[in-house]
Amino acid sequence: MSVVVLSLAGAVRWDHLRIAGALALPTWLGFAVSSRFIRYLDERLLRRGVFVVSSVASVVLLTRGILG
């Protein structure tokens, strides 16, 4: 009986991990893409001396990456 309970508990945990991973993957991918784009924008904009636009773009892209 305890083996069945442990097996069910393991299955539930595994399903929760799979679901959490599936939900987190787009967020992390978005964050990684946003981070690279932020660095690209920072390099381009800092050369031109535009700091405010770079900061706003970074916050927008970071928020978008976190929220998915």
N, C-alpha and C. Protein backbone atom coordinates (compact mmCIF):
# COMPACT_ATOMS: atom_id res chain seq x y z
N MET A 1 0.82 -1.20 0.00
CA MET A 1 0.00 0.00 0.00
C MET A 1 0.86 1.26 0.00
N SER A 2 1.91 1.24 0.80
CA SER A 2 2.76 2.43 0.86
C SER A 2 3.50 2.66 -0.45
N VAL A 3 3.80 1.58 -1.17
CA VAL A 3 4.47 1.73 -2.47
C VAL A 3 3.55 2.45 -3.45
N VAL A 4 2.26 2.11 -3.44
CA VAL A 4 1.30 2.75 -4.33
C VAL A 4 1.18 4.24 -3.98
N VAL A 5 1.12 4.55 -2.69
CA VAL A 5 1.00 5.94 -2.26
C VAL A 5 2.25 6.72 -2.68
N LEU A 6 3.43 6.13 -2.47
CA LEU A 6 4.68 6.80 -2.87
C LEU A 6 4.74 6.98 -4.38
N SER A 7 4.27 5.98 -5.11
CA SER A 7 4.27 6.09 -6.57
C SER A 7 3.34 7.21 -7.03
N LEU A 8 2.17 7.30 -6.42
CA LEU A 8 1.23 8.36 -6.78
C LEU A 8 1.80 9.73 -6.40
N ALA A 9 2.43 9.80 -5.24
CA ALA A 9 3.03 11.07 -4.82
C ALA A 9 4.13 11.48 -5.79
N GLY A 10 4.93 10.51 -6.23
CA GLY A 10 5.99 10.79 -7.20
C GLY A 10 5.42 11.25 -8.53
N ALA A 11 4.33 10.63 -8.96
CA ALA A 11 3.70 11.01 -10.23
C ALA A 11 3.15 12.43 -10.14
N VAL A 12 2.52 12.74 -9.02
CA VAL A 12 1.96 14.08 -8.86
C VAL A 12 3.08 15.11 -8.86
N ARG A 13 4.14 14.83 -8.14
CA ARG A 13 5.26 15.76 -8.10
C ARG A 13 5.87 15.92 -9.50
N TRP A 14 6.04 14.82 -10.21
CA TRP A 14 6.63 14.88 -11.56
C TRP A 14 5.75 15.70 -12.48
N ASP A 15 4.43 15.49 -12.40
CA ASP A 15 3.51 16.27 -13.24
C ASP A 15 3.58 17.74 -12.89
N HIS A 16 3.67 18.04 -11.61
CA HIS A 16 3.77 19.45 -11.21
C HIS A 16 5.06 20.07 -11.73
N LEU A 17 6.14 19.31 -11.66
CA LEU A 17 7.41 19.82 -12.18
C LEU A 17 7.34 20.03 -13.69
N ARG A 18 6.72 19.08 -14.39
CA ARG A 18 6.59 19.22 -15.85
C ARG A 18 5.74 20.43 -16.20
N ILE A 19 4.63 20.61 -15.49
CA ILE A 19 3.75 21.75 -15.77
C ILE A 19 4.47 23.05 -15.45
N ALA A 20 5.16 23.08 -14.30
CA ALA A 20 5.89 24.30 -13.92
C ALA A 20 6.98 24.60 -14.95
N GLY A 21 7.67 23.55 -15.41
CA GLY A 21 8.71 23.74 -16.42
C GLY A 21 8.14 24.24 -17.73
N ALA A 22 7.00 23.69 -18.12
CA ALA A 22 6.37 24.12 -19.37
C ALA A 22 5.92 25.58 -19.29
N LEU A 23 5.45 25.98 -18.11
CA LEU A 23 5.03 27.36 -17.95
C LEU A 23 6.22 28.31 -17.85
N ALA A 24 7.31 27.83 -17.26
CA ALA A 24 8.47 28.69 -17.05
C ALA A 24 9.31 28.84 -18.32
N LEU A 25 9.26 27.87 -19.21
CA LEU A 25 10.13 27.90 -20.39
C LEU A 25 9.92 29.13 -21.26
N PRO A 26 8.68 29.50 -21.62
CA PRO A 26 8.52 30.72 -22.43
C PRO A 26 9.04 31.96 -21.70
N THR A 27 8.86 31.99 -20.38
CA THR A 27 9.32 33.14 -19.60
C THR A 27 10.84 33.24 -19.67
N TRP A 28 11.52 32.11 -19.47
CA TRP A 28 12.98 32.15 -19.50
C TRP A 28 13.51 32.43 -20.89
N LEU A 29 12.86 31.87 -21.90
CA LEU A 29 13.29 32.15 -23.27
C LEU A 29 13.10 33.63 -23.60
N GLY A 30 11.94 34.16 -23.19
CA GLY A 30 11.68 35.58 -23.41
C GLY A 30 12.69 36.45 -22.68
N PHE A 31 13.03 36.04 -21.46
CA PHE A 31 14.00 36.80 -20.68
C PHE A 31 15.38 36.76 -21.34
N ALA A 32 15.78 35.59 -21.84
CA ALA A 32 17.09 35.47 -22.49
C ALA A 32 17.15 36.32 -23.75
N VAL A 33 16.10 36.26 -24.56
CA VAL A 33 16.06 37.06 -25.79
C VAL A 33 16.05 38.55 -25.44
N SER A 34 15.25 38.91 -24.43
CA SER A 34 15.17 40.31 -24.01
C SER A 34 16.52 40.79 -23.50
N SER A 35 17.20 39.95 -22.73
CA SER A 35 18.50 40.34 -22.19
C SER A 35 19.50 40.62 -23.30
N ARG A 36 19.51 39.77 -24.31
CA ARG A 36 20.43 40.00 -25.44
C ARG A 36 20.06 41.27 -26.20
N PHE A 37 18.76 41.47 -26.37
CA PHE A 37 18.31 42.66 -27.08
C PHE A 37 18.62 43.92 -26.27
N ILE A 38 18.46 43.82 -24.94
CA ILE A 38 18.78 44.96 -24.07
C ILE A 38 20.26 45.31 -24.21
N ARG A 39 21.12 44.28 -24.19
CA ARG A 39 22.56 44.55 -24.34
C ARG A 39 22.85 45.19 -25.69
N TYR A 40 22.19 44.71 -26.74
CA TYR A 40 22.38 45.28 -28.07
C TYR A 40 21.94 46.74 -28.08
N LEU A 41 20.76 47.00 -27.50
CA LEU A 41 20.27 48.38 -27.44
C LEU A 41 21.21 49.26 -26.64
N ASP A 42 21.67 48.75 -25.50
CA ASP A 42 22.57 49.54 -24.65
C ASP A 42 23.84 49.91 -25.42
N GLU A 43 24.42 48.95 -26.12
CA GLU A 43 25.64 49.24 -26.88
C GLU A 43 25.38 50.30 -27.95
N ARG A 44 24.29 50.13 -28.67
CA ARG A 44 23.98 51.07 -29.76
C ARG A 44 23.65 52.46 -29.22
N LEU A 45 22.82 52.48 -28.18
CA LEU A 45 22.35 53.77 -27.66
C LEU A 45 23.40 54.48 -26.83
N LEU A 46 24.22 53.73 -26.11
CA LEU A 46 25.24 54.37 -25.29
C LEU A 46 26.29 55.05 -26.17
N ARG A 47 26.51 54.49 -27.34
CA ARG A 47 27.44 55.14 -28.28
C ARG A 47 26.92 56.50 -28.70
N ARG A 48 25.61 56.61 -28.77
CA ARG A 48 25.00 57.88 -29.19
C ARG A 48 24.67 58.76 -27.99
N GLY A 49 24.87 58.24 -26.78
CA GLY A 49 24.61 59.02 -25.58
C GLY A 49 23.16 59.12 -25.18
N VAL A 50 22.35 58.17 -25.61
CA VAL A 50 20.93 58.19 -25.26
C VAL A 50 20.72 57.23 -24.09
N PHE A 51 20.65 57.77 -22.88
CA PHE A 51 20.54 56.93 -21.70
C PHE A 51 19.09 56.67 -21.30
N VAL A 52 18.25 57.65 -21.45
CA VAL A 52 16.86 57.53 -21.00
C VAL A 52 16.12 56.49 -21.83
N VAL A 53 16.28 56.54 -23.13
CA VAL A 53 15.60 55.59 -24.01
C VAL A 53 16.07 54.18 -23.72
N SER A 54 17.37 54.04 -23.47
CA SER A 54 17.92 52.72 -23.17
C SER A 54 17.33 52.18 -21.88
N SER A 55 17.20 53.02 -20.87
CA SER A 55 16.64 52.58 -19.59
C SER A 55 15.18 52.17 -19.75
N VAL A 56 14.42 52.97 -20.45
CA VAL A 56 13.00 52.66 -20.66
C VAL A 56 12.86 51.36 -21.46
N ALA A 57 13.64 51.22 -22.51
CA ALA A 57 13.58 50.00 -23.32
C ALA A 57 13.98 48.79 -22.48
N SER A 58 14.98 48.94 -21.63
CA SER A 58 15.41 47.82 -20.79
C SER A 58 14.30 47.40 -19.84
N VAL A 59 13.65 48.36 -19.22
CA VAL A 59 12.57 48.04 -18.28
C VAL A 59 11.41 47.38 -19.01
N VAL A 60 11.04 47.89 -20.16
CA VAL A 60 9.92 47.32 -20.92
C VAL A 60 10.24 45.90 -21.35
N LEU A 61 11.42 45.68 -21.90
CA LEU A 61 11.79 44.35 -22.38
C LEU A 61 11.98 43.37 -21.22
N LEU A 62 12.54 43.84 -20.13
CA LEU A 62 12.72 42.99 -18.96
C LEU A 62 11.37 42.57 -18.40
N THR A 63 10.44 43.53 -18.30
CA THR A 63 9.10 43.22 -17.81
C THR A 63 8.41 42.24 -18.75
N ARG A 64 8.56 42.47 -20.02
CA ARG A 64 7.94 41.57 -21.01
C ARG A 64 8.54 40.17 -20.92
N GLY A 65 9.86 40.11 -20.72
CA GLY A 65 10.51 38.81 -20.60
C GLY A 65 10.09 38.06 -19.36
N ILE A 66 9.92 38.77 -18.25
CA ILE A 66 9.52 38.12 -17.00
C ILE A 66 8.08 37.65 -17.07
N LEU A 67 7.22 38.48 -17.64
CA LEU A 67 5.80 38.13 -17.70
C LEU A 67 5.50 37.11 -18.80
N GLY A 68 6.45 36.93 -19.70
CA GLY A 68 6.25 35.95 -20.76
C GLY A 68 5.51 36.57 -21.86
